Every structure is written in structure tokens, then in C-alpha cells.
């Protein structure tokens, strides 16, 4: 079982990470009174990182400090902490506000980063326009946080975190816990409060609802035998320079005006992003295609959407050989829940779609665009040049699935006879099976190479293979091949 021990050690070394807002453990309860929570939650906003085309490429959270629209967040929510660069040259972000904690936040404003400190991973945003880039006509009166005294905190004090973690759905999420310790040199406040991806830049508050810090990162272990994990909050005292005289900044729509310059164009769809994901020939199909055979009866176009405002008018129409067909729909408002998600649009013909090219024209709000073409009557997609592997592991004696088995793939040219477990270049991927004995690799592998793969589990004989040709495995769609069931004999 030396292989199992070495793989477990490799996986442990690879999975002890400092993550941007990962999973944190148990929480306290009712640390903050209800009326304080109800006042605090609307002062936390969802922040969308935008690229130079103002397309969302990430999300985080932020805390409103001044009612005219100054928001404190993390630098990594709006840019890169290593280089200090912002995600787009104008420093523009999209801000969504919560009016009812039961509902997703409503994308409402564009903001601009006006101050940042990459070393502390902090940034200050100010609202500069409405979501369409139009000037604000009235001075904003947004809910705000009062600054707390992070220097007076002691171990065991109660703390709550508010933000928009991705695993919490589209609406705001509130968690409670305690202060576990401090790192004065960094500086950090350590906590056991639950923090998840998307909480970064959000609000850490005390029992009185005062802002005492910014949830920023965690340290955790992916090894089931190493359960240590802790969250790190940047204390509000560290933000003194970033937030200095924050209430005296000139704000659009208020006396003092805006000296921040014009807000750039937000592209053909305005500030929302509708991304074409691909075509399939089945509604739940996993394999994206660029052409389908003659006689195909169904086509499905899939789109991802981000930061879609409520009540956005929407229409689509199928094009055949570049010409409108009149087949489509119109809606007075977005046909699914506003926010983030996926939309699928179909065209069908029970006798078979006519041979030719198809595309879909979408109109959303004031913008429109056309998806890439797909050919009916062409050949099916060629096999992918890279594939990921999935499969299952079961007991050869009982047929039952084996949980926590390891599936490993070695680098091309490396066999099990000469693998060096201390050399990270020798091991491409290690993954573990779930309770159903299923696994899938975290990376894709070029199919023009041969690989050594292995399956090991506690209490079972090893199964190690060299010179595996991935093209010989069963295609499973979605860029995967299926290795089937590997049966291990009990020791």
C-alpha cells in the first residue's frame, strides 16, 4: 500500500491552500439582534468584476460606507493583488443592491475604483452612473455601515459576515461565528465564521452592526484527515488610508458633481453579459456541436447570463442561411429569474430541420447580437483533442462502490516503475471517489499521448496500468471519456 500512502501525501501537499473566500466551519447563533441584522444587510452589495469589454468575469461583495455610493471591497474583487492592476483600464465595476433579502440583488449602478491598496487587498469604489451608463440625476441615499473599532476586539467576541457567496444562490447570505485570534503583523482577524467564494470584499460586523472588517481569504485543507480551517478578515483599522475623507468625495448627482470623467460604453448588450455557450441536438445534451447530420429534428442554443436587471425586455429569432425566419418569441421581461443563470432556446421540426446554417438573434434591452452559425447537413464534430476522464471504482468481491479511492494519472513517458512521487512533474492529476465510487479528473489530457493511470484504496489491492490510450475509452460527451468500472480486490 506504499502507492496509496504516497498519493495521499501528494494530494495533501497540493490541497493545503490559501483561498479567496473558501469554506469555514461551525457558527454561533443569534450573535446579532434581528433589528441590527435587518439594518445591516441592505448596506452590503454584490460587486461584479468586468473586463475591458465590460463583461462580468467574477463576483464579490462590498460594504457601503457613505450614502452617496462609496463602497469598500477587496482589491482582488476588482483586479489583481499581485500586479495591482484593475480588471479593466477604466476601473469600472457593476454594483447590485438588495431591497429584499429573499430576492436576488438588483443590478443598479456602475462604479469606478478610485483608491486601492494591493498589499492590504483593499479597494474603494464610488458610484458613477446608473446601470446603462447614464448620469445620476439625484443624490443617492443608500443604507450604510458605521465604522467599528477593530482594535478593541478580543478573542471570543461575536462576529457576523454578510455577502454573496456563489454557493448561497443569488440572494444575500448571513453567517455568524466568533473571533478566533489575530495576526497583528499582516494584519488579520481570524474567525470560525462561515465564509464562501463570493464573500470576499463583503461585511464583517460586530454585535452592534458596526463594520469591523472585510472578509478576505481562508486557509483550509482538502485532506479528510486534516480538518483545520480558518477565515481571515482584514480589520477596518487597516482601511484608514483607503477610506480617509471618504464622505467628502464629489459624487455624480450631488453638489460637487463628478470629476471622475465619462463612463465608457458598456457594449452591445449594455452592462449585462449574455454569453453563447454552444449548440446541442438534445435539450439535456452534454456534447456541444458545430454541425449535425441531415434529418436532425431538434437544435438547442445555450446561453449564460450575468447581472441581468429585472424587467429587461427580451426577444429572439432564428435565422436560416442568414435570413430571418419569423420563428422566435418576444417577452416584456427576462423570461427567467433575473441575476445569473443559463437560458436555452430551441427550434424543432418532427420531419427534420432543413439542411443549411442556423443562428439565433437575441435582443436584450437596447442591445442585440447574433450567435455563431451551426450547420445542419454537415458531419458531426471531430473527436476532441483533449479529454477529461471519469469512471467508478467498486469492490470486486461485493460490487459495492468504494469511496475515497484515489485515481491518478502520470505524465506522458512516466510509468509506475519509475515514478518519483516527490517530483510534481511526474503526476498530472489525483482525484478521489465520492460516496458512489465515482470520480472525474480536474484537468483534460491531450489524446495524442499514452498515460499511466492507477487506482488505489485502503484495504484493497492496487490496480496500476501503463500505456493507456485515452482514445480507446468510451466517449461520454461534454469533453469526457468514461473509463468504466475498475474493480479492486480486497486484501
Protein backbone atom coordinates (compact mmCIF):
# COMPACT_ATOMS: atom_id res chain seq x y z
CA UNK A 1 0.00 0.00 0.00
CA UNK A 2 3.00 2.29 -0.42
CA UNK A 3 1.41 3.82 -3.54
CA UNK A 4 -1.70 4.78 -1.56
CA UNK A 5 0.39 6.41 1.15
CA UNK A 6 2.46 8.38 -1.37
CA UNK A 7 -0.57 9.53 -3.37
CA UNK A 8 -2.31 10.62 -0.18
CA UNK A 9 0.77 12.63 0.79
CA UNK A 10 0.92 14.24 -2.67
CA UNK A 11 -2.76 15.18 -2.58
CA UNK A 12 -2.41 16.61 0.91
CA UNK A 13 0.53 18.76 -0.15
CA UNK A 14 -1.36 20.03 -3.18
CA UNK A 15 -4.60 20.80 -1.37
CA UNK A 16 -3.43 22.93 1.57
CA UNK A 17 -4.22 26.30 0.03
CA UNK A 18 -4.81 29.91 0.90
CA UNK A 19 -8.06 30.52 -0.96
CA UNK A 20 -10.06 33.59 -1.78
CA UNK A 21 -13.16 33.02 0.33
CA UNK A 22 -13.46 29.24 0.78
CA UNK A 23 -15.41 27.12 3.27
CA UNK A 24 -15.29 27.83 7.00
CA UNK A 25 -16.75 25.77 9.78
CA UNK A 26 -19.23 25.94 12.66
CA UNK A 27 -21.02 29.12 13.60
CA UNK A 28 -22.52 30.73 16.64
CA UNK A 29 -26.20 31.68 16.67
CA UNK A 30 -28.12 34.91 17.32
CA UNK A 31 -24.96 36.93 17.97
CA UNK A 32 -26.51 39.98 16.31
CA UNK A 33 -30.05 41.17 17.19
CA UNK A 34 -32.68 40.90 14.48
CA UNK A 35 -33.20 44.65 14.10
CA UNK A 36 -29.45 45.14 13.66
CA UNK A 37 -29.30 42.41 11.00
CA UNK A 38 -32.21 43.94 9.11
CA UNK A 39 -30.45 47.31 9.01
CA UNK A 40 -27.07 45.86 8.07
CA UNK A 41 -27.97 43.54 5.20
CA UNK A 42 -29.05 46.25 2.67
CA UNK A 43 -25.69 48.01 3.20
CA UNK A 44 -23.86 45.04 1.64
CA UNK A 45 -23.75 44.99 -2.17
CA UNK A 46 -22.76 42.47 -4.82
CA UNK A 47 -19.83 43.64 -6.95
CA UNK A 48 -19.17 42.35 -10.48
CA UNK A 49 -15.62 42.42 -11.83
CA UNK A 50 -15.71 43.49 -15.52
CA UNK A 51 -13.18 43.04 -18.32
CA UNK A 52 -12.30 45.74 -20.86
CA UNK A 53 -15.48 44.95 -22.79
CA UNK A 54 -17.37 45.37 -19.50
CA UNK A 55 -18.30 41.68 -19.48
CA UNK A 56 -18.56 40.18 -15.96
CA UNK A 57 -15.65 37.86 -15.18
CA UNK A 58 -16.14 37.43 -11.44
CA UNK A 59 -18.18 38.49 -8.43
CA UNK A 60 -17.58 39.56 -4.88
CA UNK A 61 -19.18 41.72 -2.23
CA UNK A 62 -18.78 45.21 -0.80
CA UNK A 63 -19.85 47.45 2.10
CA UNK A 64 -21.47 50.86 1.58
CA UNK A 65 -19.66 53.44 3.72
CA UNK A 66 -21.37 56.64 2.53
CA UNK A 67 -24.98 57.01 1.38
CA UNK A 68 -23.88 58.72 -1.85
CA UNK A 69 -22.31 55.45 -3.02
CA UNK A 70 -18.79 54.81 -1.69
CA UNK A 71 -18.15 51.08 -1.31
CA UNK A 72 -15.27 49.27 0.41
CA UNK A 73 -14.21 45.90 -1.05
CA UNK A 74 -11.15 43.73 -1.75
CA UNK A 75 -8.61 44.56 -4.44
CA UNK A 76 -8.90 41.01 -5.80
CA UNK A 77 -12.65 41.58 -6.35
CA UNK A 78 -11.86 44.40 -8.80
CA UNK A 79 -8.41 43.44 -10.09
CA UNK A 80 -5.16 41.64 -9.30
CA UNK A 81 -3.37 41.88 -5.97
CA UNK A 82 -0.03 40.69 -7.38
CA UNK A 83 0.26 43.32 -10.11
CA UNK A 84 -2.00 45.96 -8.59
CA UNK A 85 -3.81 46.24 -11.92
CA UNK A 86 -7.57 46.61 -12.21
CA UNK A 87 -9.65 44.20 -14.28
CA UNK A 88 -10.33 46.91 -16.89
CA UNK A 89 -8.47 50.08 -17.80
CA UNK A 90 -11.24 52.39 -16.55
CA UNK A 91 -11.71 50.63 -13.21
CA UNK A 92 -15.44 50.14 -13.83
CA UNK A 93 -17.48 47.64 -11.81
CA UNK A 94 -21.16 46.72 -11.69
CA UNK A 95 -22.97 47.10 -8.36
CA UNK A 96 -26.14 45.22 -7.37
CA UNK A 97 -28.17 46.30 -4.34
CA UNK A 98 -30.56 44.34 -2.11
CA UNK A 99 -34.05 45.65 -1.40
CA UNK A 100 -35.44 42.37 -0.05
CA UNK A 101 -33.06 39.70 1.34
CA UNK A 102 -35.35 36.99 -0.06
CA UNK A 103 -34.70 38.20 -3.62
CA UNK A 104 -31.55 38.43 -5.75
CA UNK A 105 -29.85 41.83 -5.65
CA UNK A 106 -30.85 44.18 -8.44
CA UNK A 107 -28.01 45.34 -10.76
CA UNK A 108 -28.42 49.09 -10.41
CA UNK A 109 -25.20 51.11 -10.72
CA UNK A 110 -21.83 51.31 -12.39
CA UNK A 111 -18.99 52.24 -10.08
CA UNK A 112 -15.35 53.16 -10.52
CA UNK A 113 -12.39 52.14 -8.38
CA UNK A 114 -10.87 55.36 -7.03
CA UNK A 115 -8.42 54.01 -4.45
CA UNK A 116 -6.72 50.68 -3.90
CA UNK A 117 -4.05 49.05 -1.77
CA UNK A 118 -2.94 45.72 -3.30
CA UNK A 119 -0.70 44.94 -0.32
CA UNK A 120 -3.70 45.03 2.03
CA UNK A 121 -6.05 43.70 -0.68
CA UNK A 122 -8.45 46.64 -0.26
CA UNK A 123 -10.16 48.96 -2.74
CA UNK A 124 -12.65 51.82 -2.64
CA UNK A 125 -15.39 52.21 -5.27
CA UNK A 126 -17.68 55.15 -5.91
CA UNK A 127 -20.93 55.01 -7.89
CA UNK A 128 -20.64 56.99 -11.14
CA UNK A 129 -23.80 56.23 -13.14
CA UNK A 130 -26.88 54.08 -13.45
CA UNK A 131 -26.56 50.61 -14.94
CA UNK A 132 -26.83 51.93 -18.52
CA UNK A 133 -24.07 54.49 -18.06
CA UNK A 134 -26.46 57.44 -17.77
CA UNK A 135 -25.64 60.24 -15.33
CA UNK A 136 -27.39 60.18 -11.98
CA UNK A 137 -29.91 62.99 -11.66
CA UNK A 138 -30.41 62.75 -7.90
CA UNK A 139 -28.04 62.40 -4.98
CA UNK A 140 -28.15 58.82 -3.68
CA UNK A 141 -29.29 57.98 -0.15
CA UNK A 142 -28.14 54.38 0.21
CA UNK A 143 -28.06 52.44 3.51
CA UNK A 144 -24.62 52.49 5.12
CA UNK A 145 -22.42 50.93 7.79
CA UNK A 146 -20.96 52.75 10.76
CA UNK A 147 -17.25 52.15 11.27
CA UNK A 148 -16.48 49.86 14.20
CA UNK A 149 -13.39 49.66 16.40
CA UNK A 150 -11.49 46.58 15.25
CA UNK A 151 -8.58 47.38 17.58
CA UNK A 152 -10.77 46.82 20.66
CA UNK A 153 -11.84 43.30 19.68
CA UNK A 154 -10.74 40.31 21.76
CA UNK A 155 -10.71 36.56 21.18
CA UNK A 156 -14.20 35.12 21.63
CA UNK A 157 -16.08 38.25 20.53
CA UNK A 158 -19.04 37.62 18.26
CA UNK A 159 -18.77 38.46 14.56
CA UNK A 160 -21.11 38.11 11.59
CA UNK A 161 -20.30 38.01 7.87
CA UNK A 162 -22.64 39.29 5.14
CA UNK A 163 -22.09 38.84 1.41
CA UNK A 164 -22.95 36.99 -1.77
CA UNK A 165 -21.22 33.58 -1.79
CA UNK A 166 -21.75 31.65 -5.02
CA UNK A 167 -22.93 28.51 -3.22
CA UNK A 168 -25.60 30.58 -1.44
CA UNK A 169 -27.56 31.20 -4.63
CA UNK A 170 -28.31 34.68 -5.92
CA UNK A 171 -29.53 36.29 -2.70
CA UNK A 172 -27.56 37.74 0.21
CA UNK A 173 -26.17 35.31 2.81
CA UNK A 174 -25.60 35.95 6.53
CA UNK A 175 -23.44 33.80 8.84
CA UNK A 176 -22.28 34.15 12.45
CA UNK A 177 -19.32 32.98 14.50
CA UNK A 178 -16.60 34.19 16.83
CA UNK A 179 -13.19 35.80 16.65
CA UNK A 180 -10.59 33.06 16.91
CA UNK A 181 -7.43 35.16 17.08
CA UNK A 182 -5.31 37.83 15.44
CA UNK A 183 -2.26 38.22 13.21
CA UNK A 184 -1.05 41.71 14.08
CA UNK A 185 1.77 41.88 11.54
CA UNK A 186 -0.42 41.20 8.49
CA UNK A 187 -2.84 42.43 9.98
CA UNK A 188 -5.65 39.84 10.19
CA UNK A 189 -8.62 38.96 12.35
CA UNK A 190 -9.04 35.18 12.44
CA UNK A 191 -12.55 33.71 12.67
CA UNK A 192 -14.52 30.47 12.56
CA UNK A 193 -17.41 32.27 10.83
CA UNK A 194 -18.53 30.53 7.64
CA UNK A 195 -17.11 32.24 4.56
CA UNK A 196 -17.53 31.05 0.97
CA UNK A 197 -16.48 32.08 -2.56
CA UNK A 198 -18.13 35.42 -3.31
CA UNK A 199 -17.98 36.69 0.30
CA UNK A 200 -14.69 38.43 -0.49
CA UNK A 201 -14.90 42.19 -0.02
CA UNK A 202 -18.11 41.94 1.99
CA UNK A 203 -19.03 42.93 5.52
CA UNK A 204 -17.80 41.63 8.87
CA UNK A 205 -19.81 43.25 11.67
CA UNK A 206 -19.90 43.20 15.45
CA UNK A 207 -22.96 42.58 17.64
CA UNK A 208 -23.99 46.24 17.25
CA UNK A 209 -23.87 46.10 13.46
CA UNK A 210 -20.70 48.17 13.12
CA UNK A 211 -18.30 47.30 10.30
CA UNK A 212 -15.18 45.81 11.88
CA UNK A 213 -13.52 44.29 8.82
CA UNK A 214 -13.53 42.89 5.29
CA UNK A 215 -13.74 39.07 4.78
CA UNK A 216 -10.77 38.39 2.51
CA UNK A 217 -9.42 34.84 2.48
CA UNK A 218 -9.20 31.49 4.26
CA UNK A 219 -6.73 28.73 4.85
CA UNK A 220 -8.05 25.20 4.64
CA UNK A 221 -7.00 21.64 3.87
CA UNK A 222 -8.54 19.35 1.27
CA UNK A 223 -7.35 16.25 3.13
CA UNK A 224 -10.12 14.45 5.00
CA UNK A 225 -7.59 13.67 7.73
CA UNK A 226 -6.69 17.36 8.16
CA UNK A 227 -9.78 19.33 9.10
CA UNK A 228 -8.10 22.59 10.16
CA UNK A 229 -9.55 25.70 8.53
CA UNK A 230 -9.75 29.34 9.47
CA UNK A 231 -11.07 32.54 7.92
CA UNK A 232 -9.19 35.82 7.68
CA UNK A 233 -10.81 39.25 7.93
CA UNK A 234 -8.91 42.45 7.14
CA UNK A 235 -9.58 44.73 10.16
CA UNK A 236 -11.32 48.01 9.38
CA UNK A 237 -8.49 49.90 11.10
CA UNK A 238 -6.21 48.76 8.25
CA UNK A 239 -8.50 50.57 5.80
CA UNK A 240 -7.92 54.01 7.36
CA UNK A 241 -5.91 55.35 4.42
CA UNK A 242 -8.26 53.89 1.80
CA UNK A 243 -11.34 55.37 3.49
CA UNK A 244 -9.86 58.72 4.59
CA UNK A 245 -12.26 61.64 3.95
CA UNK A 246 -14.48 59.24 2.04
CA UNK A 247 -17.59 61.34 2.70
CA UNK A 248 -16.06 64.40 1.04
CA UNK A 249 -15.65 62.91 -2.44
CA UNK A 250 -17.52 64.54 -5.31
CA UNK A 251 -20.36 62.26 -6.40
CA UNK A 252 -22.45 62.35 -9.61
CA UNK A 253 -25.92 63.75 -8.98
CA UNK A 254 -24.82 65.59 -5.83
CA UNK A 255 -23.44 69.05 -5.18
CA UNK A 256 -19.76 68.93 -6.03
CA UNK A 257 -20.52 66.93 -9.16
CA UNK A 258 -18.26 64.34 -10.67
CA UNK A 259 -14.65 64.91 -11.62
CA UNK A 260 -14.22 61.23 -12.40
CA UNK A 261 -14.62 61.54 -16.17
CA UNK A 262 -17.09 59.83 -18.51
CA UNK A 263 -18.28 56.28 -18.01
CA UNK A 264 -17.24 54.15 -21.01
CA UNK A 265 -19.70 52.40 -23.31
CA UNK A 266 -20.90 49.09 -21.93
CA UNK A 267 -21.11 47.21 -25.22
CA UNK A 268 -23.90 45.86 -27.39
CA UNK A 269 -25.89 44.41 -24.52
CA UNK A 270 -25.29 47.33 -22.18
CA UNK A 271 -23.73 46.38 -18.84
CA UNK A 272 -25.23 42.88 -18.79
CA UNK A 273 -23.47 39.88 -20.27
CA UNK A 274 -25.15 37.18 -22.37
CA UNK A 275 -22.55 34.59 -23.34
CA UNK A 276 -23.20 31.98 -26.04
CA UNK A 277 -22.27 28.55 -24.65
CA UNK A 278 -22.91 26.33 -27.68
CA UNK A 279 -25.43 24.16 -29.52
CA UNK A 280 -26.64 20.67 -28.68
CA UNK A 281 -29.01 18.35 -30.52
CA UNK A 282 -30.75 17.30 -27.29
CA UNK A 283 -32.18 19.51 -24.56
CA UNK A 284 -30.03 17.87 -21.89
CA UNK A 285 -27.16 17.02 -24.23
CA UNK A 286 -23.67 17.49 -22.87
CA UNK A 287 -21.71 17.43 -26.13
CA UNK A 288 -21.53 20.80 -27.87
CA UNK A 289 -21.57 20.52 -31.68
CA UNK A 290 -20.79 22.81 -34.61
CA UNK A 291 -22.62 20.70 -37.18
CA UNK A 292 -25.23 17.94 -37.16
CA UNK A 293 -26.32 15.35 -39.76
CA UNK A 294 -29.23 15.77 -42.15
CA UNK A 295 -32.51 14.73 -40.58
CA UNK A 296 -31.76 16.27 -37.18
CA UNK A 297 -35.11 17.22 -35.65
CA UNK A 298 -34.02 19.48 -32.78
CA UNK A 299 -31.47 22.21 -32.12
CA UNK A 300 -30.84 23.84 -28.75
CA UNK A 301 -28.84 27.05 -28.26
CA UNK A 302 -27.49 27.59 -24.74
CA UNK A 303 -26.59 30.94 -23.21
CA UNK A 304 -25.14 32.01 -19.87
CA UNK A 305 -26.26 35.35 -18.50
CA UNK A 306 -24.88 37.57 -15.77
CA UNK A 307 -26.14 40.69 -13.99
CA UNK A 308 -29.41 40.84 -15.92
CA UNK A 309 -31.60 43.63 -14.47
CA UNK A 310 -35.19 42.98 -13.53
CA UNK A 311 -37.81 43.77 -16.21
CA UNK A 312 -35.32 43.62 -19.09
CA UNK A 313 -37.29 43.19 -22.38
CA UNK A 314 -36.09 40.20 -24.37
CA UNK A 315 -36.69 38.69 -27.82
CA UNK A 316 -35.10 36.06 -30.04
CA UNK A 317 -35.47 34.95 -33.65
CA UNK A 318 -33.90 32.03 -35.50
CA UNK A 319 -32.04 32.82 -38.74
CA UNK A 320 -31.74 30.30 -41.60
CA UNK A 321 -28.84 30.83 -44.02
CA UNK A 322 -28.52 34.30 -42.51
CA UNK A 323 -32.14 35.29 -43.18
CA UNK A 324 -34.88 35.88 -40.56
CA UNK A 325 -37.38 33.03 -40.25
CA UNK A 326 -40.04 34.66 -38.09
CA UNK A 327 -39.61 31.77 -35.63
CA UNK A 328 -38.99 33.09 -32.14
CA UNK A 329 -40.53 34.80 -29.14
CA UNK A 330 -40.83 38.21 -27.51
CA UNK A 331 -41.05 38.91 -23.79
CA UNK A 332 -41.77 42.10 -21.88
CA UNK A 333 -39.31 40.98 -19.23
CA UNK A 334 -36.49 38.49 -18.89
CA UNK A 335 -38.06 35.01 -19.18
CA UNK A 336 -36.21 33.54 -16.20
CA UNK A 337 -35.22 34.83 -12.77
CA UNK A 338 -33.07 37.93 -13.12
CA UNK A 339 -29.47 37.75 -11.98
CA UNK A 340 -27.16 34.93 -13.10
CA UNK A 341 -28.08 31.68 -14.81
CA UNK A 342 -28.50 29.82 -18.09
CA UNK A 343 -31.11 30.11 -20.85
CA UNK A 344 -31.87 27.50 -23.54
CA UNK A 345 -33.72 28.31 -26.79
CA UNK A 346 -34.82 25.61 -29.25
CA UNK A 347 -36.13 25.06 -32.76
CA UNK A 348 -37.70 21.76 -33.82
CA UNK A 349 -39.18 20.01 -36.85
CA UNK A 350 -40.51 16.47 -36.46
CA UNK A 351 -39.76 15.73 -40.14
CA UNK A 352 -36.20 17.03 -39.84
CA UNK A 353 -34.75 20.52 -39.97
CA UNK A 354 -33.88 21.77 -43.45
CA UNK A 355 -30.21 21.47 -44.39
CA UNK A 356 -28.40 24.79 -44.09
CA UNK A 357 -26.97 27.13 -41.46
CA UNK A 358 -28.84 28.24 -38.34
CA UNK A 359 -28.13 31.00 -35.84
CA UNK A 360 -30.09 32.89 -33.20
CA UNK A 361 -30.53 36.64 -32.98
CA UNK A 362 -31.08 37.93 -29.44
CA UNK A 363 -32.33 41.35 -28.41
CA UNK A 364 -31.98 42.27 -24.73
CA UNK A 365 -32.81 45.76 -23.53
CA UNK A 366 -31.32 48.22 -26.02
CA UNK A 367 -28.73 45.80 -27.42
CA UNK A 368 -28.74 42.84 -29.77
CA UNK A 369 -26.40 40.20 -31.13
CA UNK A 370 -26.29 37.01 -33.19
CA UNK A 371 -24.89 33.65 -32.12
CA UNK A 372 -22.37 31.73 -34.27
CA UNK A 373 -23.81 29.55 -37.05
CA UNK A 374 -24.36 25.81 -36.86
CA UNK A 375 -24.71 23.65 -39.98
CA UNK A 376 -27.45 21.06 -40.43
CA UNK A 377 -26.37 18.51 -43.04
CA UNK A 378 -22.67 18.63 -42.14
CA UNK A 379 -20.67 15.99 -40.36
CA UNK A 380 -20.62 15.52 -36.62
CA UNK A 381 -17.88 17.14 -34.58
CA UNK A 382 -14.47 15.54 -34.73
CA UNK A 383 -13.22 13.99 -31.53
CA UNK A 384 -11.89 16.48 -29.02
CA UNK A 385 -8.13 16.96 -28.94
CA UNK A 386 -8.21 16.95 -25.15
CA UNK A 387 -10.44 14.92 -22.84
CA UNK A 388 -11.12 14.55 -19.14
CA UNK A 389 -11.62 11.12 -17.60
CA UNK A 390 -14.40 9.88 -15.39
CA UNK A 391 -15.37 6.47 -14.07
CA UNK A 392 -16.21 4.45 -10.97
CA UNK A 393 -14.40 2.19 -8.51
CA UNK A 394 -16.10 -0.82 -6.93
CA UNK A 395 -15.28 -3.89 -4.88
CA UNK A 396 -14.56 -6.98 -6.97
CA UNK A 397 -15.93 -9.09 -4.12
CA UNK A 398 -19.24 -7.33 -3.38
CA UNK A 399 -19.77 -4.99 -6.34
CA UNK A 400 -20.33 -2.11 -3.94
CA UNK A 401 -18.82 1.31 -4.71
CA UNK A 402 -15.57 2.23 -2.97
CA UNK A 403 -15.48 5.75 -1.54
CA UNK A 404 -12.21 7.68 -1.03
CA UNK A 405 -10.30 5.64 -3.59
CA UNK A 406 -7.58 7.51 -5.47
CA UNK A 407 -7.41 7.76 -9.27
CA UNK A 408 -4.07 9.10 -10.51
CA UNK A 409 -2.70 10.00 -13.94
CA UNK A 410 1.06 10.19 -14.52
CA UNK A 411 2.78 12.45 -17.02
CA UNK A 412 3.41 11.02 -20.52
CA UNK A 413 6.56 8.89 -20.56
CA UNK A 414 6.39 8.20 -16.80
CA UNK A 415 5.50 4.65 -15.75
CA UNK A 416 4.65 3.27 -12.34
CA UNK A 417 8.07 1.62 -12.26
CA UNK A 418 9.96 4.91 -12.48
CA UNK A 419 7.54 7.47 -10.97
CA UNK A 420 9.09 9.84 -8.41
CA UNK A 421 6.33 10.89 -6.02
CA UNK A 422 8.44 13.81 -4.82
CA UNK A 423 8.61 15.24 -8.34
CA UNK A 424 5.41 17.21 -9.09
CA UNK A 425 6.12 16.98 -12.84
CA UNK A 426 5.61 13.21 -12.70
CA UNK A 427 1.95 13.38 -11.56
CA UNK A 428 -0.61 15.18 -13.71
CA UNK A 429 -3.73 14.67 -11.60
CA UNK A 430 -5.01 12.92 -8.48
CA UNK A 431 -8.70 12.71 -7.65
CA UNK A 432 -10.77 10.81 -5.07
CA UNK A 433 -14.03 8.94 -5.48
CA UNK A 434 -17.23 10.13 -3.83
CA UNK A 435 -19.67 8.04 -1.80
CA UNK A 436 -20.94 6.46 -5.04
CA UNK A 437 -17.43 5.42 -6.03
CA UNK A 438 -17.43 7.97 -8.88
CA UNK A 439 -14.57 10.25 -9.88
CA UNK A 440 -13.68 12.68 -12.62
CA UNK A 441 -10.34 14.31 -13.32
CA UNK A 442 -9.89 18.01 -12.69
CA UNK A 443 -7.95 18.58 -15.93
CA UNK A 444 -8.12 17.47 -19.56
CA UNK A 445 -5.40 15.43 -21.27
CA UNK A 446 -4.19 15.57 -24.90
CA UNK A 447 -5.30 12.42 -26.69
CA UNK A 448 -2.12 12.05 -28.76
CA UNK A 449 -0.19 10.75 -25.73
CA UNK A 450 -0.18 7.50 -23.75
CA UNK A 451 -0.61 7.66 -19.97
CA UNK A 452 -0.03 5.55 -16.89
CA UNK A 453 -3.06 5.51 -14.60
CA UNK A 454 -3.70 3.88 -11.27
CA UNK A 455 -6.48 3.19 -8.79
CA UNK A 456 -5.68 2.54 -5.12
CA UNK A 457 -7.82 2.34 -1.99
CA UNK A 458 -7.32 1.46 1.66
CA UNK A 459 -7.77 -2.29 2.22
CA UNK A 460 -7.64 -3.23 -1.48
CA UNK A 461 -5.04 -4.40 -3.98
CA UNK A 462 -3.62 -1.72 -6.27
CA UNK A 463 -4.58 -1.53 -9.95
CA UNK A 464 -1.80 0.17 -11.90
CA UNK A 465 -1.74 0.45 -15.70
CA UNK A 466 0.81 1.78 -18.20
CA UNK A 467 0.42 2.97 -21.82
CA UNK A 468 -3.30 3.77 -21.71
CA UNK A 469 -4.69 5.25 -24.95
CA UNK A 470 -7.50 7.65 -23.99
CA UNK A 471 -8.99 7.48 -27.49
CA UNK A 472 -9.88 3.83 -26.79
CA UNK A 473 -12.12 4.77 -23.86
CA UNK A 474 -15.85 5.27 -24.30
CA UNK A 475 -16.81 8.88 -25.26
CA UNK A 476 -19.10 10.32 -22.58
CA UNK A 477 -19.91 13.77 -24.02
CA UNK A 478 -19.00 17.15 -22.65
CA UNK A 479 -15.29 16.56 -23.28
CA UNK A 480 -15.18 13.40 -21.11
CA UNK A 481 -14.29 9.79 -21.75
CA UNK A 482 -15.57 7.02 -19.48
CA UNK A 483 -13.06 4.57 -18.03
CA UNK A 484 -15.90 2.35 -16.83
CA UNK A 485 -15.78 0.47 -13.53
CA UNK A 486 -12.44 -0.52 -12.03
CA UNK A 487 -12.90 -3.42 -9.61
CA UNK A 488 -10.44 -3.79 -6.74
CA UNK A 489 -9.88 -7.00 -4.80
CA UNK A 490 -9.89 -6.82 -1.01
CA UNK A 491 -6.62 -7.63 0.74
